[in-house]
Amino acid sequence: MAKQPESDSFMDMFSRFGRDLKVPNVDVEVILAHHRKNLEALEKSARAGAAGATSLLSRQREMLQDTLREITDIAQSYRAPGNPQELMAKQTEFARKSFEAALKNAGEVAELVKKSGTESVDILRTRIKEAMEEIRAGYEKK
């Protein structure tokens, strides 16, 4: 008994199975094409999500580096003032700048996450619409 090569893809095995069954009125190639498009859309969506995650991590790293640089600059330029009002004013200014930077960064991160998620969902939504149109067209032929 001859052994089949183990490198057959799932699609090749499914195609061969469909041809071997010789079921009437079933176009295996159409089914395969439909599922191939589904898998391609899933892959494209996953790639978009991964690219978004990579972009997000990269931007977060940049934000952290900027923050550390600012803290270093402040620490190096810091000289304890003689009076408590000046000390309190410097600490207040530092807290205000830190809070504003945190808000800005959080907004930017939220926007990156939203963009990445929207792109992934849009890819899948488009494929679902195409699949529904393919199904409608198949029924209209019959």
C-alpha atoms as a PDB file:
ATOM      1  CA  MET A   1       0.000   0.000   0.000  1.00  0.00           C
ATOM      2  CA  ALA A   2       1.502   3.303  -1.092  1.00  0.00           C
ATOM      3  CA  LYS A   3       1.841   5.945   1.554  1.00  0.00           C
ATOM      4  CA  GLN A   4       0.449   9.410   0.857  1.00  0.00           C
ATOM      5  CA  PRO A   5       2.891  12.256   1.405  1.00  0.00           C
ATOM      6  CA  GLU A   6       2.434  13.811   4.821  1.00  0.00           C
ATOM      7  CA  SER A   7       2.770  17.332   3.464  1.00  0.00           C
ATOM      8  CA  ASP A   8      -0.831  17.508   2.219  1.00  0.00           C
ATOM      9  CA  SER A   9      -2.584  20.588   3.487  1.00  0.00           C
ATOM     10  CA  PHE A  10      -6.023  20.442   5.024  1.00  0.00           C
ATOM     11  CA  MET A  11      -7.432  21.966   1.846  1.00  0.00           C
ATOM     12  CA  ASP A  12      -5.775  19.304  -0.343  1.00  0.00           C
ATOM     13  CA  MET A  13      -7.132  16.508   1.855  1.00  0.00           C
ATOM     14  CA  PHE A  14     -10.639  18.018   1.824  1.00  0.00           C
ATOM     15  CA  SER A  15     -10.520  18.438  -1.948  1.00  0.00           C
ATOM     16  CA  ARG A  16      -9.390  14.845  -2.480  1.00  0.00           C
ATOM     17  CA  PHE A  17     -12.073  13.609  -0.058  1.00  0.00           C
ATOM     18  CA  GLY A  18     -14.763  15.504  -1.978  1.00  0.00           C
ATOM     19  CA  ARG A  19     -13.617  14.151  -5.336  1.00  0.00           C
ATOM     20  CA  ASP A  20     -13.364  10.588  -3.991  1.00  0.00           C
ATOM     21  CA  LEU A  21     -16.936  10.687  -2.653  1.00  0.00           C
ATOM     22  CA  LYS A  22     -18.261  11.679  -6.067  1.00  0.00           C
ATOM     23  CA  VAL A  23     -21.305  13.283  -4.461  1.00  0.00           C
ATOM     24  CA  PRO A  24     -23.605  14.718  -7.151  1.00  0.00           C
ATOM     25  CA  ASN A  25     -24.363  18.480  -7.237  1.00  0.00           C
ATOM     26  CA  VAL A  26     -21.527  19.389  -4.882  1.00  0.00           C
ATOM     27  CA  ASP A  27     -18.876  21.627  -6.338  1.00  0.00           C
ATOM     28  CA  VAL A  28     -15.958  20.960  -4.010  1.00  0.00           C
ATOM     29  CA  GLU A  29     -13.845  23.660  -5.644  1.00  0.00           C
ATOM     30  CA  VAL A  30     -16.467  26.301  -4.847  1.00  0.00           C
ATOM     31  CA  ILE A  31     -16.579  25.156  -1.215  1.00  0.00           C
ATOM     32  CA  LEU A  32     -12.799  25.196  -1.025  1.00  0.00           C
ATOM     33  CA  ALA A  33     -12.618  28.648  -2.580  1.00  0.00           C
ATOM     34  CA  HIS A  34     -15.175  29.921  -0.068  1.00  0.00           C
ATOM     35  CA  HIS A  35     -13.275  28.528   2.919  1.00  0.00           C
ATOM     36  CA  ARG A  36      -9.940  29.648   1.496  1.00  0.00           C
ATOM     37  CA  LYS A  37     -11.278  33.201   1.388  1.00  0.00           C
ATOM     38  CA  ASN A  38     -12.469  32.827   5.005  1.00  0.00           C
ATOM     39  CA  LEU A  39      -9.045  31.635   6.121  1.00  0.00           C
ATOM     40  CA  GLU A  40      -7.326  34.426   4.205  1.00  0.00           C
ATOM     41  CA  ALA A  41      -9.575  36.993   5.888  1.00  0.00           C
ATOM     42  CA  LEU A  42      -8.808  35.510   9.313  1.00  0.00           C
ATOM     43  CA  GLU A  43      -5.097  35.591   8.559  1.00  0.00           C
ATOM     44  CA  LYS A  44      -5.290  39.182   7.338  1.00  0.00           C
ATOM     45  CA  SER A  45      -7.247  40.160  10.448  1.00  0.00           C
ATOM     46  CA  ALA A  46      -4.700  38.467  12.702  1.00  0.00           C
ATOM     47  CA  ARG A  47      -1.855  40.244  10.902  1.00  0.00           C
ATOM     48  CA  ALA A  48      -3.614  43.593  11.355  1.00  0.00           C
ATOM     49  CA  GLY A  49      -4.080  42.855  15.065  1.00  0.00           C
ATOM     50  CA  ALA A  50      -0.444  41.824  15.451  1.00  0.00           C
ATOM     51  CA  ALA A  51       0.739  44.946  13.636  1.00  0.00           C
ATOM     52  CA  GLY A  52      -1.434  47.035  15.930  1.00  0.00           C
ATOM     53  CA  ALA A  53      -0.008  45.332  19.009  1.00  0.00           C
ATOM     54  CA  THR A  54       3.530  45.866  17.740  1.00  0.00           C
ATOM     55  CA  SER A  55       2.803  49.525  17.072  1.00  0.00           C
ATOM     56  CA  LEU A  56       1.259  49.923  20.508  1.00  0.00           C
ATOM     57  CA  LEU A  57       4.204  48.323  22.295  1.00  0.00           C
ATOM     58  CA  SER A  58       6.653  50.420  20.319  1.00  0.00           C
ATOM     59  CA  ARG A  59       4.802  53.632  21.152  1.00  0.00           C
ATOM     60  CA  GLN A  60       4.532  52.690  24.827  1.00  0.00           C
ATOM     61  CA  ARG A  61       8.287  52.097  24.906  1.00  0.00           C
ATOM     62  CA  GLU A  62       8.845  55.538  23.363  1.00  0.00           C
ATOM     63  CA  MET A  63       6.521  57.104  25.935  1.00  0.00           C
ATOM     64  CA  LEU A  64       8.393  55.445  28.785  1.00  0.00           C
ATOM     65  CA  GLN A  65      11.737  56.624  27.391  1.00  0.00           C
ATOM     66  CA  ASP A  66      10.393  60.183  27.074  1.00  0.00           C
ATOM     67  CA  THR A  67       9.085  60.088  30.633  1.00  0.00           C
ATOM     68  CA  LEU A  68      12.359  58.774  32.018  1.00  0.00           C
ATOM     69  CA  ARG A  69      14.257  61.432  30.075  1.00  0.00           C
ATOM     70  CA  GLU A  70      12.020  64.170  31.523  1.00  0.00           C
ATOM     71  CA  ILE A  71      12.429  62.825  35.061  1.00  0.00           C
ATOM     72  CA  THR A  72      16.199  62.711  34.590  1.00  0.00           C
ATOM     73  CA  ASP A  73      16.232  66.298  33.306  1.00  0.00           C
ATOM     74  CA  ILE A  74      14.146  67.493  36.242  1.00  0.00           C
ATOM     75  CA  ALA A  75      16.268  65.588  38.743  1.00  0.00           C
ATOM     76  CA  GLN A  76      19.491  67.001  37.295  1.00  0.00           C
ATOM     77  CA  SER A  77      18.208  70.567  37.315  1.00  0.00           C
ATOM     78  CA  TYR A  78      16.664  70.242  40.757  1.00  0.00           C
ATOM     79  CA  ARG A  79      18.140  72.395  43.469  1.00  0.00           C
ATOM     80  CA  ALA A  80      16.439  72.506  46.800  1.00  0.00           C
ATOM     81  CA  PRO A  81      15.102  76.027  47.176  1.00  0.00           C
ATOM     82  CA  GLY A  82      15.554  77.863  50.409  1.00  0.00           C
ATOM     83  CA  ASN A  83      11.925  78.533  51.094  1.00  0.00           C
ATOM     84  CA  PRO A  84       9.009  76.058  51.338  1.00  0.00           C
ATOM     85  CA  GLN A  85       6.774  77.981  48.888  1.00  0.00           C
ATOM     86  CA  GLU A  86       9.303  77.565  46.063  1.00  0.00           C
ATOM     87  CA  LEU A  87       9.688  73.862  46.865  1.00  0.00           C
ATOM     88  CA  MET A  88       5.918  73.401  46.850  1.00  0.00           C
ATOM     89  CA  ALA A  89       5.619  75.319  43.545  1.00  0.00           C
ATOM     90  CA  LYS A  90       8.265  73.107  41.880  1.00  0.00           C
ATOM     91  CA  GLN A  91       6.614  69.933  43.137  1.00  0.00           C
ATOM     92  CA  THR A  92       3.216  71.168  41.980  1.00  0.00           C
ATOM     93  CA  GLU A  93       4.587  72.016  38.527  1.00  0.00           C
ATOM     94  CA  PHE A  94       6.199  68.571  38.250  1.00  0.00           C
ATOM     95  CA  ALA A  95       2.944  66.862  39.302  1.00  0.00           C
ATOM     96  CA  ARG A  96       0.960  68.929  36.778  1.00  0.00           C
ATOM     97  CA  LYS A  97       3.348  68.087  33.920  1.00  0.00           C
ATOM     98  CA  SER A  98       3.314  64.407  34.876  1.00  0.00           C
ATOM     99  CA  PHE A  99      -0.480  64.310  34.971  1.00  0.00           C
ATOM    100  CA  GLU A 100      -0.808  66.071  31.592  1.00  0.00           C
ATOM    101  CA  ALA A 101       1.708  63.681  30.015  1.00  0.00           C
ATOM    102  CA  ALA A 102      -0.121  60.681  31.464  1.00  0.00           C
ATOM    103  CA  LEU A 103      -3.456  61.899  30.072  1.00  0.00           C
ATOM    104  CA  LYS A 104      -1.958  62.582  26.651  1.00  0.00           C
ATOM    105  CA  ASN A 105      -0.267  59.175  26.554  1.00  0.00           C
ATOM    106  CA  ALA A 106      -3.404  57.350  27.717  1.00  0.00           C
ATOM    107  CA  GLY A 107      -5.422  59.032  24.974  1.00  0.00           C
ATOM    108  CA  GLU A 108      -2.856  58.095  22.358  1.00  0.00           C
ATOM    109  CA  VAL A 109      -2.726  54.475  23.552  1.00  0.00           C
ATOM    110  CA  ALA A 110      -6.532  54.262  23.489  1.00  0.00           C
ATOM    111  CA  GLU A 111      -6.570  55.596  19.933  1.00  0.00           C
ATOM    112  CA  LEU A 112      -3.957  53.038  18.808  1.00  0.00           C
ATOM    113  CA  VAL A 113      -5.948  50.186  20.382  1.00  0.00           C
ATOM    114  CA  LYS A 114      -9.176  51.425  18.806  1.00  0.00           C
ATOM    115  CA  LYS A 115      -7.570  51.739  15.363  1.00  0.00           C
ATOM    116  CA  SER A 116      -6.057  48.259  15.538  1.00  0.00           C
ATOM    117  CA  GLY A 117      -9.290  46.640  16.708  1.00  0.00           C
ATOM    118  CA  THR A 118     -11.393  48.483  14.153  1.00  0.00           C
ATOM    119  CA  GLU A 119      -9.106  47.422  11.318  1.00  0.00           C
ATOM    120  CA  SER A 120      -9.263  43.751  12.348  1.00  0.00           C
ATOM    121  CA  VAL A 121     -13.036  43.792  12.733  1.00  0.00           C
ATOM    122  CA  ASP A 122     -13.509  45.607   9.414  1.00  0.00           C
ATOM    123  CA  ILE A 123     -11.565  42.881   7.603  1.00  0.00           C
ATOM    124  CA  LEU A 124     -13.795  40.195   9.094  1.00  0.00           C
ATOM    125  CA  ARG A 125     -16.971  42.229   8.516  1.00  0.00           C
ATOM    126  CA  THR A 126     -16.062  42.644   4.847  1.00  0.00           C
ATOM    127  CA  ARG A 127     -15.507  38.903   4.473  1.00  0.00           C
ATOM    128  CA  ILE A 128     -18.843  38.124   6.144  1.00  0.00           C
ATOM    129  CA  LYS A 129     -20.625  40.422   3.678  1.00  0.00           C
ATOM    130  CA  GLU A 130     -18.823  38.763   0.769  1.00  0.00           C
ATOM    131  CA  ALA A 131     -19.729  35.306   2.090  1.00  0.00           C
ATOM    132  CA  MET A 132     -23.396  36.265   2.382  1.00  0.00           C
ATOM    133  CA  GLU A 133     -23.347  37.559  -1.191  1.00  0.00           C
ATOM    134  CA  GLU A 134     -21.747  34.299  -2.349  1.00  0.00           C
ATOM    135  CA  ILE A 135     -24.453  32.295  -0.591  1.00  0.00           C
ATOM    136  CA  ARG A 136     -27.224  34.476  -2.107  1.00  0.00           C
ATOM    137  CA  ALA A 137     -25.686  34.098  -5.558  1.00  0.00           C
ATOM    138  CA  GLY A 138     -25.550  30.320  -5.081  1.00  0.00           C
ATOM    139  CA  TYR A 139     -29.244  30.168  -4.210  1.00  0.00           C
ATOM    140  CA  GLU A 140     -30.183  32.431  -7.104  1.00  0.00           C
ATOM    141  CA  LYS A 141     -28.430  30.066  -9.544  1.00  0.00           C
ATOM    142  CA  LYS A 142     -30.584  27.195  -8.321  1.00  0.00           C
END
